[in-house]
Amino acid sequence: MSSLNALDKVIIRLLKVTIIVSTFLILVNALDRFGFSGQLG
């Protein structure tokens, strides 16, 4: 059962990372549409 628990923690961590990355990409795309990324570089 302990191995399952560790696996659950890894999966939860991966889910959090995936959510953060996808949110970041959505924000970058939104900024792209407004043209802010051109000013940043």
PDB file of N, CA and C in Angstrom:
ATOM      1  N   MET A   1       0.826  -1.213   0.000  1.00  0.00           N
ATOM      2  CA  MET A   1       0.000   0.000   0.000  1.00  0.00           C
ATOM      3  C   MET A   1       0.860   1.262   0.000  1.00  0.00           C
ATOM      4  N   SER A   2       2.036   1.165   0.607  1.00  0.00           N
ATOM      5  CA  SER A   2       2.895   2.354   0.676  1.00  0.00           C
ATOM      6  C   SER A   2       3.350   2.769  -0.723  1.00  0.00           C
ATOM      7  N   SER A   3       3.594   1.768  -1.592  1.00  0.00           N
ATOM      8  CA  SER A   3       4.029   2.097  -2.947  1.00  0.00           C
ATOM      9  C   SER A   3       2.904   2.809  -3.699  1.00  0.00           C
ATOM     10  N   LEU A   4       1.674   2.364  -3.466  1.00  0.00           N
ATOM     11  CA  LEU A   4       0.529   3.035  -4.088  1.00  0.00           C
ATOM     12  C   LEU A   4       0.435   4.476  -3.608  1.00  0.00           C
ATOM     13  N   ASN A   5       0.681   4.683  -2.331  1.00  0.00           N
ATOM     14  CA  ASN A   5       0.619   6.023  -1.768  1.00  0.00           C
ATOM     15  C   ASN A   5       1.661   6.923  -2.424  1.00  0.00           C
ATOM     16  N   ALA A   6       2.875   6.400  -2.598  1.00  0.00           N
ATOM     17  CA  ALA A   6       3.941   7.178  -3.233  1.00  0.00           C
ATOM     18  C   ALA A   6       3.558   7.502  -4.671  1.00  0.00           C
ATOM     19  N   LEU A   7       2.985   6.517  -5.356  1.00  0.00           N
ATOM     20  CA  LEU A   7       2.573   6.731  -6.746  1.00  0.00           C
ATOM     21  C   LEU A   7       1.498   7.805  -6.818  1.00  0.00           C
ATOM     22  N   ASP A   8       0.567   7.775  -5.872  1.00  0.00           N
ATOM     23  CA  ASP A   8      -0.483   8.796  -5.824  1.00  0.00           C
ATOM     24  C   ASP A   8       0.128  10.184  -5.670  1.00  0.00           C
ATOM     25  N   LYS A   9       1.131  10.299  -4.797  1.00  0.00           N
ATOM     26  CA  LYS A   9       1.768  11.598  -4.589  1.00  0.00           C
ATOM     27  C   LYS A   9       2.439  12.081  -5.869  1.00  0.00           C
ATOM     28  N   VAL A  10       3.098  11.158  -6.578  1.00  0.00           N
ATOM     29  CA  VAL A  10       3.762  11.524  -7.833  1.00  0.00           C
ATOM     30  C   VAL A  10       2.735  11.987  -8.856  1.00  0.00           C
ATOM     31  N   ILE A  11       1.620  11.258  -8.957  1.00  0.00           N
ATOM     32  CA  ILE A  11       0.569  11.617  -9.920  1.00  0.00           C
ATOM     33  C   ILE A  11      -0.013  12.987  -9.587  1.00  0.00           C
ATOM     34  N   ILE A  12      -0.266  13.232  -8.304  1.00  0.00           N
ATOM     35  CA  ILE A  12      -0.811  14.532  -7.893  1.00  0.00           C
ATOM     36  C   ILE A  12       0.175  15.642  -8.236  1.00  0.00           C
ATOM     37  N   ARG A  13       1.467  15.376  -8.010  1.00  0.00           N
ATOM     38  CA  ARG A  13       2.488  16.382  -8.318  1.00  0.00           C
ATOM     39  C   ARG A  13       2.512  16.670  -9.815  1.00  0.00           C
ATOM     40  N   LEU A  14       2.423  15.608 -10.624  1.00  0.00           N
ATOM     41  CA  LEU A  14       2.418  15.777 -12.077  1.00  0.00           C
ATOM     42  C   LEU A  14       1.187  16.565 -12.515  1.00  0.00           C
ATOM     43  N   LEU A  15       0.043  16.285 -11.899  1.00  0.00           N
ATOM     44  CA  LEU A  15      -1.180  17.011 -12.242  1.00  0.00           C
ATOM     45  C   LEU A  15      -1.030  18.493 -11.926  1.00  0.00           C
ATOM     46  N   LYS A  16      -0.443  18.799 -10.763  1.00  0.00           N
ATOM     47  CA  LYS A  16      -0.248  20.205 -10.396  1.00  0.00           C
ATOM     48  C   LYS A  16       0.654  20.896 -11.404  1.00  0.00           C
ATOM     49  N   VAL A  17       1.751  20.229 -11.778  1.00  0.00           N
ATOM     50  CA  VAL A  17       2.686  20.812 -12.748  1.00  0.00           C
ATOM     51  C   VAL A  17       1.987  21.027 -14.085  1.00  0.00           C
ATOM     52  N   THR A  18       1.193  20.037 -14.510  1.00  0.00           N
ATOM     53  CA  THR A  18       0.484  20.152 -15.788  1.00  0.00           C
ATOM     54  C   THR A  18      -0.483  21.330 -15.765  1.00  0.00           C
ATOM     55  N   ILE A  19      -1.211  21.493 -14.668  1.00  0.00           N
ATOM     56  CA  ILE A  19      -2.167  22.602 -14.550  1.00  0.00           C
ATOM     57  C   ILE A  19      -1.431  23.935 -14.589  1.00  0.00           C
ATOM     58  N   ILE A  20      -0.300  24.026 -13.872  1.00  0.00           N
ATOM     59  CA  ILE A  20       0.463  25.278 -13.840  1.00  0.00           C
ATOM     60  C   ILE A  20       0.998  25.605 -15.230  1.00  0.00           C
ATOM     61  N   VAL A  21       1.561  24.599 -15.905  1.00  0.00           N
ATOM     62  CA  VAL A  21       2.133  24.823 -17.238  1.00  0.00           C
ATOM     63  C   VAL A  21       1.046  25.234 -18.227  1.00  0.00           C
ATOM     64  N   SER A  22      -0.095  24.543 -18.216  1.00  0.00           N
ATOM     65  CA  SER A  22      -1.175  24.874 -19.151  1.00  0.00           C
ATOM     66  C   SER A  22      -1.723  26.268 -18.872  1.00  0.00           C
ATOM     67  N   THR A  23      -1.840  26.635 -17.598  1.00  0.00           N
ATOM     68  CA  THR A  23      -2.292  27.981 -17.251  1.00  0.00           C
ATOM     69  C   THR A  23      -1.305  29.018 -17.759  1.00  0.00           C
ATOM     70  N   PHE A  24      -0.006  28.727 -17.594  1.00  0.00           N
ATOM     71  CA  PHE A  24       1.029  29.650 -18.066  1.00  0.00           C
ATOM     72  C   PHE A  24       0.949  29.809 -19.579  1.00  0.00           C
ATOM     73  N   LEU A  25       0.766  28.697 -20.297  1.00  0.00           N
ATOM     74  CA  LEU A  25       0.684  28.758 -21.758  1.00  0.00           C
ATOM     75  C   LEU A  25      -0.541  29.558 -22.191  1.00  0.00           C
ATOM     76  N   ILE A  26      -1.659  29.386 -21.498  1.00  0.00           N
ATOM     77  CA  ILE A  26      -2.875  30.142 -21.828  1.00  0.00           C
ATOM     78  C   ILE A  26      -2.625  31.635 -21.620  1.00  0.00           C
ATOM     79  N   LEU A  27      -1.944  31.983 -20.524  1.00  0.00           N
ATOM     80  CA  LEU A  27      -1.633  33.391 -20.260  1.00  0.00           C
ATOM     81  C   LEU A  27      -0.727  33.946 -21.343  1.00  0.00           C
ATOM     82  N   VAL A  28       0.282  33.169 -21.744  1.00  0.00           N
ATOM     83  CA  VAL A  28       1.206  33.623 -22.792  1.00  0.00           C
ATOM     84  C   VAL A  28       0.445  33.840 -24.094  1.00  0.00           C
ATOM     85  N   ASN A  29      -0.467  32.924 -24.425  1.00  0.00           N
ATOM     86  CA  ASN A  29      -1.255  33.073 -25.645  1.00  0.00           C
ATOM     87  C   ASN A  29      -2.139  34.314 -25.574  1.00  0.00           C
ATOM     88  N   ALA A  30      -2.724  34.575 -24.412  1.00  0.00           N
ATOM     89  CA  ALA A  30      -3.569  35.753 -24.241  1.00  0.00           C
ATOM     90  C   ALA A  30      -2.737  37.019 -24.411  1.00  0.00           C
ATOM     91  N   LEU A  31      -1.538  37.042 -23.827  1.00  0.00           N
ATOM     92  CA  LEU A  31      -0.662  38.209 -23.966  1.00  0.00           C
ATOM     93  C   LEU A  31      -0.252  38.366 -25.425  1.00  0.00           C
ATOM     94  N   ASP A  32      -0.032  37.240 -26.110  1.00  0.00           N
ATOM     95  CA  ASP A  32       0.332  37.280 -27.526  1.00  0.00           C
ATOM     96  C   ASP A  32      -0.747  37.995 -28.329  1.00  0.00           C
ATOM     97  N   ARG A  33      -1.996  37.699 -28.040  1.00  0.00           N
ATOM     98  CA  ARG A  33      -3.092  38.304 -28.798  1.00  0.00           C
ATOM     99  C   ARG A  33      -3.146  39.809 -28.565  1.00  0.00           C
ATOM    100  N   PHE A  34      -2.789  40.240 -27.363  1.00  0.00           N
ATOM    101  CA  PHE A  34      -2.818  41.673 -27.068  1.00  0.00           C
ATOM    102  C   PHE A  34      -1.552  42.366 -27.541  1.00  0.00           C
ATOM    103  N   GLY A  35      -0.516  41.567 -27.910  1.00  0.00           N
ATOM    104  CA  GLY A  35       0.702  42.149 -28.456  1.00  0.00           C
ATOM    105  C   GLY A  35       1.701  42.574 -27.398  1.00  0.00           C
ATOM    106  N   PHE A  36       1.562  42.084 -26.162  1.00  0.00           N
ATOM    107  CA  PHE A  36       2.499  42.472 -25.102  1.00  0.00           C
ATOM    108  C   PHE A  36       3.836  41.756 -25.261  1.00  0.00           C
ATOM    109  N   SER A  37       3.823  40.541 -25.820  1.00  0.00           N
ATOM    110  CA  SER A  37       5.047  39.753 -25.914  1.00  0.00           C
ATOM    111  C   SER A  37       6.062  40.445 -26.822  1.00  0.00           C
ATOM    112  N   GLY A  38       5.584  41.204 -27.808  1.00  0.00           N
ATOM    113  CA  GLY A  38       6.490  41.921 -28.694  1.00  0.00           C
ATOM    114  C   GLY A  38       7.308  42.943 -27.929  1.00  0.00           C
ATOM    115  N   GLN A  39       6.690  43.579 -26.937  1.00  0.00           N
ATOM    116  CA  GLN A  39       7.396  44.574 -26.135  1.00  0.00           C
ATOM    117  C   GLN A  39       8.400  43.905 -25.198  1.00  0.00           C
ATOM    118  N   LEU A  40       8.064  42.712 -24.723  1.00  0.00           N
ATOM    119  CA  LEU A  40       8.946  42.025 -23.772  1.00  0.00           C
ATOM    120  C   LEU A  40      10.185  41.486 -24.480  1.00  0.00           C
ATOM    121  N   GLY A  41      10.083  41.173 -25.753  1.00  0.00           N
ATOM    122  CA  GLY A  41      11.242  40.643 -26.456  1.00  0.00           C
ATOM    123  C   GLY A  41      10.764  39.799 -27.591  1.00  0.00           C
TER     124      GLY A  41
END
